[in-house]
């Protein structure tokens, strides 16, 4: 319960601070979060199709030591 109260006070504090931030600071924050969001979209793991899984499984059957190359 005490942690929840502390979190609420932090939130209120950040809201009050946000009211007095400069325009440039707000734009820099928005740019940072947009860049972070774009980077997360790029680094998401690719989804493999069944054909891809079959190809990787057959390659692993031919050369299982390649997995440990990285």
N, C-alpha and C. Protein backbone atom coordinates (compact mmCIF):
# COMPACT_ATOMS: atom_id res chain seq x y z
N UNK A 1 0.83 -1.19 0.00
CA UNK A 1 0.00 0.00 0.00
C UNK A 1 0.87 1.25 0.00
N UNK A 2 1.96 1.18 0.77
CA UNK A 2 2.86 2.33 0.86
C UNK A 2 3.58 2.57 -0.46
N UNK A 3 3.93 1.47 -1.16
CA UNK A 3 4.60 1.60 -2.45
C UNK A 3 3.66 2.24 -3.47
N UNK A 4 2.39 1.87 -3.41
CA UNK A 4 1.40 2.44 -4.32
C UNK A 4 1.26 3.94 -4.10
N UNK A 5 1.29 4.36 -2.84
CA UNK A 5 1.19 5.78 -2.52
C UNK A 5 2.42 6.53 -3.04
N UNK A 6 3.59 5.90 -2.90
CA UNK A 6 4.82 6.51 -3.41
C UNK A 6 4.78 6.66 -4.93
N UNK A 7 4.26 5.63 -5.61
CA UNK A 7 4.14 5.69 -7.06
C UNK A 7 3.17 6.78 -7.49
N UNK A 8 2.09 6.94 -6.76
CA UNK A 8 1.12 7.99 -7.07
C UNK A 8 1.74 9.37 -6.89
N UNK A 9 2.53 9.54 -5.83
CA UNK A 9 3.19 10.83 -5.62
C UNK A 9 4.20 11.12 -6.72
N UNK A 10 4.93 10.09 -7.16
CA UNK A 10 5.87 10.28 -8.27
C UNK A 10 5.14 10.70 -9.53
N UNK A 11 4.01 10.05 -9.80
CA UNK A 11 3.22 10.37 -10.99
C UNK A 11 2.74 11.81 -10.95
N UNK A 12 2.22 12.22 -9.82
CA UNK A 12 1.76 13.61 -9.67
C UNK A 12 2.92 14.57 -9.85
N UNK A 13 4.08 14.23 -9.29
CA UNK A 13 5.26 15.08 -9.44
C UNK A 13 5.68 15.22 -10.90
N UNK A 14 5.69 14.10 -11.64
CA UNK A 14 6.07 14.17 -13.06
C UNK A 14 5.05 14.98 -13.87
N UNK A 15 3.78 14.89 -13.49
CA UNK A 15 2.76 15.68 -14.19
C UNK A 15 2.99 17.17 -13.95
N UNK A 16 3.28 17.53 -12.71
CA UNK A 16 3.52 18.94 -12.40
C UNK A 16 4.78 19.44 -13.11
N UNK A 17 5.84 18.63 -13.12
CA UNK A 17 7.06 19.02 -13.82
C UNK A 17 6.79 19.16 -15.32
N UNK A 18 5.98 18.26 -15.86
CA UNK A 18 5.65 18.30 -17.28
C UNK A 18 4.93 19.57 -17.70
N UNK A 19 4.20 20.16 -16.78
CA UNK A 19 3.49 21.40 -17.11
C UNK A 19 4.44 22.56 -17.37
N UNK A 20 5.64 22.50 -16.80
CA UNK A 20 6.58 23.61 -16.91
C UNK A 20 7.77 23.32 -17.82
N UNK A 21 7.75 22.20 -18.53
CA UNK A 21 8.85 21.88 -19.44
C UNK A 21 8.78 22.78 -20.68
N UNK A 22 9.94 23.04 -21.26
CA UNK A 22 9.99 23.88 -22.45
C UNK A 22 9.51 23.10 -23.67
N UNK A 23 9.19 23.82 -24.71
CA UNK A 23 8.73 23.19 -25.96
C UNK A 23 9.83 22.30 -26.55
N UNK A 24 11.07 22.77 -26.52
CA UNK A 24 12.19 22.00 -27.06
C UNK A 24 12.37 20.70 -26.28
N UNK A 25 12.22 20.77 -24.97
CA UNK A 25 12.35 19.58 -24.14
C UNK A 25 11.25 18.56 -24.47
N UNK A 26 10.04 19.03 -24.66
CA UNK A 26 8.94 18.14 -25.02
C UNK A 26 9.16 17.50 -26.38
N UNK A 27 9.68 18.29 -27.35
CA UNK A 27 9.94 17.74 -28.68
C UNK A 27 11.07 16.72 -28.63
N UNK A 28 12.09 16.98 -27.80
CA UNK A 28 13.19 16.03 -27.67
C UNK A 28 12.68 14.72 -27.07
N UNK A 29 11.81 14.81 -26.08
CA UNK A 29 11.24 13.60 -25.49
C UNK A 29 10.40 12.82 -26.49
N UNK A 30 9.60 13.52 -27.27
CA UNK A 30 8.78 12.86 -28.29
C UNK A 30 9.65 12.21 -29.35
N UNK A 31 10.73 12.88 -29.76
CA UNK A 31 11.65 12.31 -30.75
C UNK A 31 12.33 11.06 -30.19
N UNK A 32 12.72 11.11 -28.91
CA UNK A 32 13.38 9.96 -28.28
C UNK A 32 12.45 8.75 -28.27
N UNK A 33 11.20 8.95 -27.85
CA UNK A 33 10.29 7.82 -27.78
C UNK A 33 9.90 7.32 -29.16
N UNK A 34 9.82 8.19 -30.15
CA UNK A 34 9.53 7.74 -31.51
C UNK A 34 10.69 6.90 -32.05
N UNK A 35 11.91 7.32 -31.77
CA UNK A 35 13.09 6.57 -32.21
C UNK A 35 13.16 5.23 -31.50
N UNK A 36 12.87 5.21 -30.21
CA UNK A 36 12.87 3.98 -29.44
C UNK A 36 11.82 3.01 -29.98
N UNK A 37 10.65 3.52 -30.31
CA UNK A 37 9.58 2.69 -30.86
C UNK A 37 9.99 2.11 -32.21
N UNK A 38 10.62 2.91 -33.06
CA UNK A 38 11.06 2.43 -34.37
C UNK A 38 12.12 1.35 -34.21
N UNK A 39 13.03 1.54 -33.27
CA UNK A 39 14.08 0.55 -33.05
C UNK A 39 13.51 -0.77 -32.55
N UNK A 40 12.48 -0.71 -31.72
CA UNK A 40 11.86 -1.93 -31.23
C UNK A 40 11.14 -2.67 -32.35
N UNK A 41 10.55 -1.94 -33.27
CA UNK A 41 9.87 -2.58 -34.40
C UNK A 41 10.89 -3.30 -35.29
N UNK A 42 12.06 -2.70 -35.47
CA UNK A 42 13.09 -3.29 -36.32
C UNK A 42 13.66 -4.55 -35.70
N UNK A 43 13.85 -4.54 -34.38
CA UNK A 43 14.53 -5.65 -33.72
C UNK A 43 13.61 -6.80 -33.33
N UNK A 44 12.34 -6.72 -33.66
CA UNK A 44 11.45 -7.83 -33.34
C UNK A 44 11.88 -9.06 -34.14
N UNK A 45 11.73 -10.21 -33.51
CA UNK A 45 12.14 -11.46 -34.16
C UNK A 45 11.25 -11.73 -35.38
N UNK A 46 11.89 -12.21 -36.43
CA UNK A 46 11.15 -12.53 -37.65
C UNK A 46 10.37 -13.82 -37.45
N UNK A 47 9.20 -13.88 -38.02
CA UNK A 47 8.40 -15.09 -37.94
C UNK A 47 8.81 -16.02 -39.07
N UNK A 48 9.01 -17.27 -38.72
CA UNK A 48 9.44 -18.25 -39.71
C UNK A 48 8.25 -19.03 -40.25
N UNK A 49 8.27 -19.28 -41.54
CA UNK A 49 7.23 -20.11 -42.13
C UNK A 49 7.61 -21.58 -41.94
N UNK A 50 6.70 -22.47 -42.27
CA UNK A 50 6.99 -23.90 -42.15
C UNK A 50 8.12 -24.31 -43.09
N UNK A 51 8.18 -23.70 -44.26
CA UNK A 51 9.27 -24.00 -45.18
C UNK A 51 10.62 -23.58 -44.60
N UNK A 52 10.66 -22.43 -43.96
CA UNK A 52 11.90 -21.97 -43.33
C UNK A 52 12.35 -22.95 -42.24
N UNK A 53 11.41 -23.41 -41.43
CA UNK A 53 11.74 -24.37 -40.38
C UNK A 53 12.27 -25.67 -40.97
N UNK A 54 11.64 -26.13 -42.06
CA UNK A 54 12.10 -27.35 -42.72
C UNK A 54 13.50 -27.17 -43.28
N UNK A 55 13.77 -26.00 -43.88
CA UNK A 55 15.10 -25.74 -44.44
C UNK A 55 16.15 -25.71 -43.34
N UNK A 56 15.85 -25.04 -42.22
CA UNK A 56 16.81 -24.97 -41.12
C UNK A 56 17.03 -26.35 -40.50
N UNK A 57 15.97 -27.14 -40.38
CA UNK A 57 16.11 -28.48 -39.81
C UNK A 57 16.97 -29.37 -40.70
N UNK A 58 16.79 -29.27 -42.00
CA UNK A 58 17.61 -30.09 -42.90
C UNK A 58 19.06 -29.60 -42.92
N UNK A 59 19.28 -28.31 -42.84
CA UNK A 59 20.65 -27.80 -42.75
C UNK A 59 21.31 -28.24 -41.45
N UNK A 60 20.54 -28.26 -40.37
CA UNK A 60 21.07 -28.71 -39.09
C UNK A 60 21.45 -30.19 -39.17
N UNK A 61 20.65 -30.97 -39.90
CA UNK A 61 20.97 -32.39 -40.08
C UNK A 61 22.27 -32.60 -40.83
N UNK A 62 22.57 -31.70 -41.76
CA UNK A 62 23.80 -31.81 -42.56
C UNK A 62 25.01 -31.35 -41.75
N UNK A 63 24.87 -30.23 -41.05
CA UNK A 63 26.00 -29.65 -40.32
C UNK A 63 25.55 -29.16 -38.94
N UNK A 64 25.41 -30.04 -37.95
CA UNK A 64 24.93 -29.63 -36.63
C UNK A 64 25.91 -28.74 -35.87
N UNK A 65 27.17 -28.76 -36.22
CA UNK A 65 28.16 -27.94 -35.52
C UNK A 65 28.04 -26.46 -35.84
N UNK A 66 27.31 -26.11 -36.87
CA UNK A 66 27.17 -24.70 -37.26
C UNK A 66 26.41 -23.91 -36.21
N UNK A 67 25.54 -24.56 -35.47
CA UNK A 67 24.75 -23.88 -34.45
C UNK A 67 25.67 -23.24 -33.40
N UNK A 68 26.75 -23.91 -33.08
CA UNK A 68 27.66 -23.40 -32.05
C UNK A 68 28.70 -22.42 -32.61
N UNK A 69 28.60 -22.07 -33.88
CA UNK A 69 29.57 -21.17 -34.49
C UNK A 69 29.44 -19.76 -33.97
N UNK A 70 28.26 -19.37 -33.53
CA UNK A 70 28.05 -18.03 -33.02
C UNK A 70 28.43 -17.99 -31.61
